[in-house]
Amino acid sequence: MFCLRTGNTIAKWRCTTLNHQKPSKWITCKTFLGTQRVLLLIGCCVLILGTAAYLALSPAPKANTPAEGQQDETLQEAQQQAQSNLPMVPDASDAEPTDADPESEPVTEGSEPIEKPSSTTPRQAQMQMQKPVEGEVLRAFSGEQMVYNKTLNAWSTHNGIDIAAQEGSAVVAALPGEVSEAKADSTLGYVVTIDHSDGRQTRYAGLKEISVKQGDKVNAAQQIGSSGTPPFEADLGPHLHFEYRKDGKYIDPAEALGIQ
């Protein structure tokens, strides 16, 4: 009725109707989905779903259960018990010597015992005093006792031993050491003195000639000269006058040499 009266009114009515027309469903949904709350909600849902999927696909860690630990302890106890039940094996060091052992080998009747090698070290063997010249002792060591010297026609102590030797016989060092004196003496003849270790000293008098000089180092049994006749003991003929001192004190050379 209102539209038939005036055309302007109809036009206004149509314009009003278009301005107040309700929006479509598509426009409403698009507007709803574009809001920030909906986007935040969707992101949370995606995160939750992704975490659930990762946990579902990942293998569960294998944990040691108390039963397994108990089984390991039981197994160790069984092994220890088995070892304790094993027979004891005697130690080789505690074993009794067999017949093959050379030290425990019995000595049969009529057989000579086997001598073991000497335990003397090379140094001990080297320090063993040797006889300076081969021959018998003509005059012994007197110590503090006075003896008569026919050549000098006097009484005095005899501080060494006189060993008989043919003139020109080799005279050797009784011990290794260093020559401290090598000279000619009007009373003693040619004389050589050798200093040894441990404060020992040997003296060789009445030599016909000497083959060492002061400061020379000599070994045991090394020739130091040749025998002659000592001027102060000429009544005994050719021989070697040999003296031995320890820390400045005269000692019987025969005892050190093990001779009578």
C-alpha atoms as a PDB file:
ATOM      1  CA  MET A   1       0.000   0.000   0.000  1.00  0.00           C
ATOM      2  CA  PHE A   2       2.817   2.390   0.913  1.00  0.00           C
ATOM      3  CA  CYS A   3       4.795   1.633  -2.206  1.00  0.00           C
ATOM      4  CA  LEU A   4       1.997   2.514  -4.580  1.00  0.00           C
ATOM      5  CA  ARG A   5       1.669   6.009  -3.344  1.00  0.00           C
ATOM      6  CA  THR A   6       5.034   7.522  -3.881  1.00  0.00           C
ATOM      7  CA  GLY A   7       7.981   6.323  -5.832  1.00  0.00           C
ATOM      8  CA  ASN A   8      10.464   8.102  -3.577  1.00  0.00           C
ATOM      9  CA  THR A   9       9.123   6.335  -0.558  1.00  0.00           C
ATOM     10  CA  ILE A  10       9.558   2.976  -2.314  1.00  0.00           C
ATOM     11  CA  ALA A  11      13.118   3.845  -3.165  1.00  0.00           C
ATOM     12  CA  LYS A  12      13.853   4.797   0.433  1.00  0.00           C
ATOM     13  CA  TRP A  13      12.207   1.619   1.605  1.00  0.00           C
ATOM     14  CA  ARG A  14      14.360  -0.520  -0.694  1.00  0.00           C
ATOM     15  CA  CYS A  15      17.498   1.277   0.482  1.00  0.00           C
ATOM     16  CA  THR A  16      16.536   0.763   4.091  1.00  0.00           C
ATOM     17  CA  THR A  17      15.804  -2.871   3.450  1.00  0.00           C
ATOM     18  CA  LEU A  18      19.222  -3.390   1.822  1.00  0.00           C
ATOM     19  CA  ASN A  19      21.060  -1.626   4.682  1.00  0.00           C
ATOM     20  CA  HIS A  20      19.326  -3.790   7.303  1.00  0.00           C
ATOM     21  CA  GLN A  21      19.705  -7.084   5.439  1.00  0.00           C
ATOM     22  CA  LYS A  22      21.263  -9.863   7.631  1.00  0.00           C
ATOM     23  CA  PRO A  23      24.758 -11.135   6.552  1.00  0.00           C
ATOM     24  CA  SER A  24      25.098 -14.556   5.002  1.00  0.00           C
ATOM     25  CA  LYS A  25      26.406 -17.640   6.845  1.00  0.00           C
ATOM     26  CA  TRP A  26      29.742 -17.659   4.890  1.00  0.00           C
ATOM     27  CA  ILE A  27      30.516 -14.128   5.931  1.00  0.00           C
ATOM     28  CA  THR A  28      29.713 -14.918   9.570  1.00  0.00           C
ATOM     29  CA  CYS A  29      31.929 -18.074   9.611  1.00  0.00           C
ATOM     30  CA  LYS A  30      34.839 -16.281   7.929  1.00  0.00           C
ATOM     31  CA  THR A  31      34.618 -13.482  10.439  1.00  0.00           C
ATOM     32  CA  PHE A  32      34.517 -15.978  13.331  1.00  0.00           C
ATOM     33  CA  LEU A  33      37.503 -17.940  12.064  1.00  0.00           C
ATOM     34  CA  GLY A  34      39.556 -14.789  11.618  1.00  0.00           C
ATOM     35  CA  THR A  35      39.479 -13.875  15.262  1.00  0.00           C
ATOM     36  CA  GLN A  36      42.668 -14.266  17.407  1.00  0.00           C
ATOM     37  CA  ARG A  37      41.008 -16.479  20.007  1.00  0.00           C
ATOM     38  CA  VAL A  38      40.064 -19.071  17.452  1.00  0.00           C
ATOM     39  CA  LEU A  39      43.597 -19.120  16.014  1.00  0.00           C
ATOM     40  CA  LEU A  40      45.117 -19.548  19.505  1.00  0.00           C
ATOM     41  CA  LEU A  41      42.718 -22.381  20.253  1.00  0.00           C
ATOM     42  CA  ILE A  42      43.550 -24.142  17.000  1.00  0.00           C
ATOM     43  CA  GLY A  43      47.332 -23.806  17.688  1.00  0.00           C
ATOM     44  CA  CYS A  44      46.941 -25.369  21.120  1.00  0.00           C
ATOM     45  CA  CYS A  45      44.993 -28.261  19.685  1.00  0.00           C
ATOM     46  CA  VAL A  46      47.641 -28.888  17.028  1.00  0.00           C
ATOM     47  CA  LEU A  47      50.424 -28.821  19.674  1.00  0.00           C
ATOM     48  CA  ILE A  48      48.559 -31.269  21.900  1.00  0.00           C
ATOM     49  CA  LEU A  49      47.879 -33.619  19.005  1.00  0.00           C
ATOM     50  CA  GLY A  50      51.537 -33.515  17.863  1.00  0.00           C
ATOM     51  CA  THR A  51      52.829 -34.263  21.377  1.00  0.00           C
ATOM     52  CA  ALA A  52      50.430 -37.168  21.770  1.00  0.00           C
ATOM     53  CA  ALA A  53      51.499 -38.599  18.400  1.00  0.00           C
ATOM     54  CA  TYR A  54      55.248 -38.314  19.290  1.00  0.00           C
ATOM     55  CA  LEU A  55      54.760 -40.079  22.629  1.00  0.00           C
ATOM     56  CA  ALA A  56      52.707 -42.791  20.976  1.00  0.00           C
ATOM     57  CA  LEU A  57      55.308 -43.507  18.285  1.00  0.00           C
ATOM     58  CA  SER A  58      58.440 -43.273  20.550  1.00  0.00           C
ATOM     59  CA  PRO A  59      59.573 -46.612  22.165  1.00  0.00           C
ATOM     60  CA  ALA A  60      59.263 -46.713  25.927  1.00  0.00           C
ATOM     61  CA  PRO A  61      62.634 -46.829  27.796  1.00  0.00           C
ATOM     62  CA  LYS A  62      63.540 -50.209  29.189  1.00  0.00           C
ATOM     63  CA  ALA A  63      63.952 -49.903  32.915  1.00  0.00           C
ATOM     64  CA  ASN A  64      65.697 -52.375  35.168  1.00  0.00           C
ATOM     65  CA  THR A  65      63.084 -53.929  37.307  1.00  0.00           C
ATOM     66  CA  PRO A  66      63.804 -55.081  40.832  1.00  0.00           C
ATOM     67  CA  ALA A  67      63.325 -58.633  39.612  1.00  0.00           C
ATOM     68  CA  GLU A  68      66.193 -58.325  37.147  1.00  0.00           C
ATOM     69  CA  GLY A  69      68.539 -56.837  39.806  1.00  0.00           C
ATOM     70  CA  GLN A  70      67.620 -59.670  42.136  1.00  0.00           C
ATOM     71  CA  GLN A  71      68.389 -62.211  39.397  1.00  0.00           C
ATOM     72  CA  ASP A  72      71.869 -60.633  38.878  1.00  0.00           C
ATOM     73  CA  GLU A  73      72.650 -60.867  42.609  1.00  0.00           C
ATOM     74  CA  THR A  74      71.443 -64.466  42.659  1.00  0.00           C
ATOM     75  CA  LEU A  75      73.677 -65.285  39.691  1.00  0.00           C
ATOM     76  CA  GLN A  76      76.737 -63.762  41.376  1.00  0.00           C
ATOM     77  CA  GLU A  77      76.072 -65.704  44.575  1.00  0.00           C
ATOM     78  CA  ALA A  78      75.776 -68.907  42.552  1.00  0.00           C
ATOM     79  CA  GLN A  79      79.110 -68.238  40.824  1.00  0.00           C
ATOM     80  CA  GLN A  80      80.862 -67.532  44.137  1.00  0.00           C
ATOM     81  CA  GLN A  81      79.468 -70.691  45.660  1.00  0.00           C
ATOM     82  CA  ALA A  82      80.594 -72.702  42.633  1.00  0.00           C
ATOM     83  CA  GLN A  83      84.128 -71.318  42.938  1.00  0.00           C
ATOM     84  CA  SER A  84      84.263 -72.128  46.646  1.00  0.00           C
ATOM     85  CA  ASN A  85      83.344 -75.743  45.873  1.00  0.00           C
ATOM     86  CA  LEU A  86      86.260 -76.166  43.426  1.00  0.00           C
ATOM     87  CA  PRO A  87      89.164 -78.362  44.675  1.00  0.00           C
ATOM     88  CA  MET A  88      92.164 -76.465  46.024  1.00  0.00           C
ATOM     89  CA  VAL A  89      95.190 -76.506  43.705  1.00  0.00           C
ATOM     90  CA  PRO A  90      98.510 -76.511  45.621  1.00  0.00           C
ATOM     91  CA  ASP A  91     100.844 -73.584  44.949  1.00  0.00           C
ATOM     92  CA  ALA A  92     103.915 -74.428  42.914  1.00  0.00           C
ATOM     93  CA  SER A  93     106.169 -72.695  45.477  1.00  0.00           C
ATOM     94  CA  ASP A  94     104.809 -74.949  48.273  1.00  0.00           C
ATOM     95  CA  ALA A  95     105.253 -78.145  46.289  1.00  0.00           C
ATOM     96  CA  GLU A  96     107.729 -80.659  47.665  1.00  0.00           C
ATOM     97  CA  PRO A  97     110.953 -81.019  45.660  1.00  0.00           C
ATOM     98  CA  THR A  98     110.916 -83.895  43.216  1.00  0.00           C
ATOM     99  CA  ASP A  99     113.706 -86.248  42.323  1.00  0.00           C
ATOM    100  CA  ALA A 100     114.540 -83.988  39.374  1.00  0.00           C
ATOM    101  CA  ASP A 101     115.455 -81.132  41.719  1.00  0.00           C
ATOM    102  CA  PRO A 102     119.267 -80.953  41.717  1.00  0.00           C
ATOM    103  CA  GLU A 103     119.414 -79.537  45.247  1.00  0.00           C
ATOM    104  CA  SER A 104     117.343 -82.349  46.757  1.00  0.00           C
ATOM    105  CA  GLU A 105     118.937 -85.155  44.739  1.00  0.00           C
ATOM    106  CA  PRO A 106     119.954 -87.919  47.177  1.00  0.00           C
ATOM    107  CA  VAL A 107     123.573 -88.979  47.327  1.00  0.00           C
ATOM    108  CA  THR A 108     123.945 -92.642  46.603  1.00  0.00           C
ATOM    109  CA  GLU A 109     126.426 -94.779  48.439  1.00  0.00           C
ATOM    110  CA  GLY A 110     129.871 -94.683  46.893  1.00  0.00           C
ATOM    111  CA  SER A 111     129.251 -91.464  44.958  1.00  0.00           C
ATOM    112  CA  GLU A 112     131.046 -88.245  45.787  1.00  0.00           C
ATOM    113  CA  PRO A 113     128.934 -85.237  46.803  1.00  0.00           C
ATOM    114  CA  ILE A 114     128.699 -82.511  44.219  1.00  0.00           C
ATOM    115  CA  GLU A 115     130.392 -79.341  45.377  1.00  0.00           C
ATOM    116  CA  LYS A 116     128.396 -76.193  44.929  1.00  0.00           C
ATOM    117  CA  PRO A 117     130.102 -73.211  43.310  1.00  0.00           C
ATOM    118  CA  SER A 118     131.785 -70.855  45.706  1.00  0.00           C
ATOM    119  CA  SER A 119     129.787 -67.815  46.759  1.00  0.00           C
ATOM    120  CA  THR A 120     132.941 -65.677  46.777  1.00  0.00           C
ATOM    121  CA  THR A 121     132.421 -62.579  44.701  1.00  0.00           C
ATOM    122  CA  PRO A 122     135.024 -61.434  42.143  1.00  0.00           C
ATOM    123  CA  ARG A 123     135.940 -58.526  44.425  1.00  0.00           C
ATOM    124  CA  GLN A 124     136.592 -60.897  47.328  1.00  0.00           C
ATOM    125  CA  ALA A 125     138.668 -63.170  45.117  1.00  0.00           C
ATOM    126  CA  GLN A 126     140.671 -60.189  43.877  1.00  0.00           C
ATOM    127  CA  MET A 127     141.387 -58.982  47.429  1.00  0.00           C
ATOM    128  CA  GLN A 128     142.792 -62.371  48.535  1.00  0.00           C
ATOM    129  CA  MET A 129     146.484 -61.887  49.318  1.00  0.00           C
ATOM    130  CA  GLN A 130     148.898 -63.808  47.107  1.00  0.00           C
ATOM    131  CA  LYS A 131     152.403 -64.953  47.854  1.00  0.00           C
ATOM    132  CA  PRO A 132     154.803 -62.453  46.259  1.00  0.00           C
ATOM    133  CA  VAL A 133     157.422 -65.057  45.411  1.00  0.00           C
ATOM    134  CA  GLU A 134     157.637 -68.844  45.618  1.00  0.00           C
ATOM    135  CA  GLY A 135     159.935 -70.211  48.309  1.00  0.00           C
ATOM    136  CA  GLU A 136     160.222 -71.243  51.928  1.00  0.00           C
ATOM    137  CA  VAL A 137     160.248 -68.841  54.837  1.00  0.00           C
ATOM    138  CA  LEU A 138     163.830 -68.372  56.070  1.00  0.00           C
ATOM    139  CA  ARG A 139     163.067 -65.998  58.944  1.00  0.00           C
ATOM    140  CA  ALA A 140     159.669 -65.476  60.566  1.00  0.00           C
ATOM    141  CA  PHE A 141     157.933 -62.371  61.826  1.00  0.00           C
ATOM    142  CA  SER A 142     159.012 -61.470  65.368  1.00  0.00           C
ATOM    143  CA  GLY A 143     156.530 -58.763  66.288  1.00  0.00           C
ATOM    144  CA  GLU A 144     157.765 -56.950  69.383  1.00  0.00           C
ATOM    145  CA  GLN A 145     160.320 -59.637  70.178  1.00  0.00           C
ATOM    146  CA  MET A 146     163.967 -58.733  69.545  1.00  0.00           C
ATOM    147  CA  VAL A 147     165.984 -61.041  67.272  1.00  0.00           C
ATOM    148  CA  TYR A 148     169.665 -61.051  66.384  1.00  0.00           C
ATOM    149  CA  ASN A 149     170.692 -59.801  62.932  1.00  0.00           C
ATOM    150  CA  LYS A 150     173.996 -61.413  62.030  1.00  0.00           C
ATOM    151  CA  THR A 151     174.704 -59.089  59.110  1.00  0.00           C
ATOM    152  CA  LEU A 152     174.228 -55.927  61.204  1.00  0.00           C
ATOM    153  CA  ASN A 153     175.500 -57.616  64.366  1.00  0.00           C
ATOM    154  CA  ALA A 154     172.585 -56.113  66.285  1.00  0.00           C
ATOM    155  CA  TRP A 155     169.385 -57.029  68.016  1.00  0.00           C
ATOM    156  CA  SER A 156     166.156 -55.636  66.526  1.00  0.00           C
ATOM    157  CA  THR A 157     162.598 -56.557  65.740  1.00  0.00           C
ATOM    158  CA  HIS A 158     161.916 -58.377  62.465  1.00  0.00           C
ATOM    159  CA  ASN A 159     158.855 -56.695  61.005  1.00  0.00           C
ATOM    160  CA  GLY A 160     158.331 -59.040  58.060  1.00  0.00           C
ATOM    161  CA  ILE A 161     159.194 -62.472  56.734  1.00  0.00           C
ATOM    162  CA  ASP A 162     162.122 -63.528  54.562  1.00  0.00           C
ATOM    163  CA  ILE A 163     161.131 -65.773  51.639  1.00  0.00           C
ATOM    164  CA  ALA A 164     163.901 -67.701  49.886  1.00  0.00           C
ATOM    165  CA  ALA A 165     164.107 -67.062  46.143  1.00  0.00           C
ATOM    166  CA  GLN A 166     166.750 -67.460  43.477  1.00  0.00           C
ATOM    167  CA  GLU A 167     168.265 -64.232  42.299  1.00  0.00           C
ATOM    168  CA  GLY A 168     166.255 -62.766  39.416  1.00  0.00           C
ATOM    169  CA  SER A 169     163.001 -64.575  40.327  1.00  0.00           C
ATOM    170  CA  ALA A 170     159.815 -62.626  39.529  1.00  0.00           C
ATOM    171  CA  VAL A 171     158.324 -60.751  42.468  1.00  0.00           C
ATOM    172  CA  VAL A 172     154.578 -59.924  42.161  1.00  0.00           C
ATOM    173  CA  ALA A 173     152.155 -57.681  44.032  1.00  0.00           C
ATOM    174  CA  ALA A 174     150.310 -59.513  46.783  1.00  0.00           C
ATOM    175  CA  LEU A 175     147.244 -57.271  46.436  1.00  0.00           C
ATOM    176  CA  PRO A 176     145.986 -54.711  43.907  1.00  0.00           C
ATOM    177  CA  GLY A 177     146.816 -51.126  44.761  1.00  0.00           C
ATOM    178  CA  GLU A 178     148.914 -48.058  43.963  1.00  0.00           C
ATOM    179  CA  VAL A 179     152.688 -47.817  44.200  1.00  0.00           C
ATOM    180  CA  SER A 180     153.537 -45.215  46.857  1.00  0.00           C
ATOM    181  CA  GLU A 181     157.308 -45.872  46.890  1.00  0.00           C
ATOM    182  CA  ALA A 182     159.779 -47.298  44.355  1.00  0.00           C
ATOM    183  CA  LYS A 183     163.420 -46.492  45.048  1.00  0.00           C
ATOM    184  CA  ALA A 184     166.886 -47.780  45.751  1.00  0.00           C
ATOM    185  CA  ASP A 185     168.036 -47.839  49.398  1.00  0.00           C
ATOM    186  CA  SER A 186     171.554 -48.470  50.670  1.00  0.00           C
ATOM    187  CA  THR A 187     170.302 -50.679  53.499  1.00  0.00           C
ATOM    188  CA  LEU A 188     167.183 -52.292  52.005  1.00  0.00           C
ATOM    189  CA  GLY A 189     168.320 -52.509  48.390  1.00  0.00           C
ATOM    190  CA  TYR A 190     165.628 -51.756  45.797  1.00  0.00           C
ATOM    191  CA  VAL A 191     162.329 -51.411  47.644  1.00  0.00           C
ATOM    192  CA  VAL A 192     158.702 -51.087  46.476  1.00  0.00           C
ATOM    193  CA  THR A 193     155.787 -50.071  48.743  1.00  0.00           C
ATOM    194  CA  ILE A 194     152.159 -50.503  47.591  1.00  0.00           C
ATOM    195  CA  ASP A 195     149.099 -48.977  49.260  1.00  0.00           C
ATOM    196  CA  HIS A 196     145.928 -51.087  49.182  1.00  0.00           C
ATOM    197  CA  SER A 197     142.319 -50.594  50.250  1.00  0.00           C
ATOM    198  CA  ASP A 198     141.145 -50.604  53.880  1.00  0.00           C
ATOM    199  CA  GLY A 199     144.394 -49.036  55.142  1.00  0.00           C
ATOM    200  CA  ARG A 200     146.577 -51.986  54.139  1.00  0.00           C
ATOM    201  CA  GLN A 201     150.138 -51.701  52.841  1.00  0.00           C
ATOM    202  CA  THR A 202     152.755 -54.186  51.590  1.00  0.00           C
ATOM    203  CA  ARG A 203     156.509 -53.671  51.246  1.00  0.00           C
ATOM    204  CA  TYR A 204     158.964 -55.622  49.104  1.00  0.00           C
ATOM    205  CA  ALA A 205     162.667 -55.109  50.004  1.00  0.00           C
ATOM    206  CA  GLY A 206     165.942 -56.531  48.722  1.00  0.00           C
ATOM    207  CA  LEU A 207     164.937 -56.423  45.039  1.00  0.00           C
ATOM    208  CA  LYS A 208     167.614 -56.668  42.392  1.00  0.00           C
ATOM    209  CA  GLU A 209     165.591 -54.449  40.047  1.00  0.00           C
ATOM    210  CA  ILE A 210     162.120 -52.895  39.906  1.00  0.00           C
ATOM    211  CA  SER A 211     159.648 -52.572  37.006  1.00  0.00           C
ATOM    212  CA  VAL A 212     157.198 -50.023  38.470  1.00  0.00           C
ATOM    213  CA  LYS A 213     157.377 -46.410  39.548  1.00  0.00           C
ATOM    214  CA  GLN A 214     155.633 -44.259  42.105  1.00  0.00           C
ATOM    215  CA  GLY A 215     151.960 -43.598  41.239  1.00  0.00           C
ATOM    216  CA  ASP A 216     151.526 -46.755  39.127  1.00  0.00           C
ATOM    217  CA  LYS A 217     148.374 -48.806  39.737  1.00  0.00           C
ATOM    218  CA  VAL A 218     149.042 -52.537  39.876  1.00  0.00           C
ATOM    219  CA  ASN A 219     146.884 -55.649  39.977  1.00  0.00           C
ATOM    220  CA  ALA A 220     147.325 -58.672  42.202  1.00  0.00           C
ATOM    221  CA  ALA A 221     149.977 -61.067  40.835  1.00  0.00           C
ATOM    222  CA  GLN A 222     151.418 -58.320  38.578  1.00  0.00           C
ATOM    223  CA  GLN A 223     155.226 -58.377  38.491  1.00  0.00           C
ATOM    224  CA  ILE A 224     156.841 -55.401  40.172  1.00  0.00           C
ATOM    225  CA  GLY A 225     160.495 -56.485  40.026  1.00  0.00           C
ATOM    226  CA  SER A 226     162.936 -59.363  40.564  1.00  0.00           C
ATOM    227  CA  SER A 227     164.478 -60.787  43.711  1.00  0.00           C
ATOM    228  CA  GLY A 228     168.014 -60.154  44.905  1.00  0.00           C
ATOM    229  CA  THR A 229     169.925 -60.078  48.187  1.00  0.00           C
ATOM    230  CA  PRO A 230     168.889 -57.470  50.795  1.00  0.00           C
ATOM    231  CA  PRO A 231     172.035 -55.650  52.033  1.00  0.00           C
ATOM    232  CA  PHE A 232     170.856 -55.650  55.679  1.00  0.00           C
ATOM    233  CA  GLU A 233     170.261 -59.454  55.598  1.00  0.00           C
ATOM    234  CA  ALA A 234     173.079 -60.602  53.346  1.00  0.00           C
ATOM    235  CA  ASP A 235     173.861 -63.543  55.663  1.00  0.00           C
ATOM    236  CA  LEU A 236     170.654 -65.296  54.421  1.00  0.00           C
ATOM    237  CA  GLY A 237     171.616 -65.133  50.741  1.00  0.00           C
ATOM    238  CA  PRO A 238     169.145 -64.258  47.921  1.00  0.00           C
ATOM    239  CA  HIS A 239     165.639 -63.789  49.259  1.00  0.00           C
ATOM    240  CA  LEU A 240     162.706 -61.333  49.495  1.00  0.00           C
ATOM    241  CA  HIS A 241     162.033 -59.358  52.650  1.00  0.00           C
ATOM    242  CA  PHE A 242     158.212 -58.939  52.710  1.00  0.00           C
ATOM    243  CA  GLU A 243     156.291 -56.727  55.157  1.00  0.00           C
ATOM    244  CA  TYR A 244     152.531 -56.250  55.707  1.00  0.00           C
ATOM    245  CA  ARG A 245     150.891 -53.396  57.626  1.00  0.00           C
ATOM    246  CA  LYS A 246     147.304 -52.620  58.547  1.00  0.00           C
ATOM    247  CA  ASP A 247     146.479 -49.042  59.627  1.00  0.00           C
ATOM    248  CA  GLY A 248     150.218 -48.469  60.225  1.00  0.00           C
ATOM    249  CA  LYS A 249     150.623 -51.550  62.447  1.00  0.00           C
ATOM    250  CA  TYR A 250     152.872 -54.433  61.423  1.00  0.00           C
ATOM    251  CA  ILE A 251     151.078 -57.761  60.997  1.00  0.00           C
ATOM    252  CA  ASP A 252     152.559 -61.204  60.413  1.00  0.00           C
ATOM    253  CA  PRO A 253     152.448 -61.713  56.607  1.00  0.00           C
ATOM    254  CA  ALA A 254     152.532 -65.487  57.043  1.00  0.00           C
ATOM    255  CA  GLU A 255     149.127 -65.426  58.751  1.00  0.00           C
ATOM    256  CA  ALA A 256     147.676 -63.231  56.018  1.00  0.00           C
ATOM    257  CA  LEU A 257     149.082 -65.576  53.355  1.00  0.00           C
ATOM    258  CA  GLY A 258     148.026 -68.713  55.220  1.00  0.00           C
ATOM    259  CA  ILE A 259     151.521 -70.164  55.309  1.00  0.00           C
ATOM    260  CA  GLN A 260     153.709 -71.418  58.142  1.00  0.00           C
END
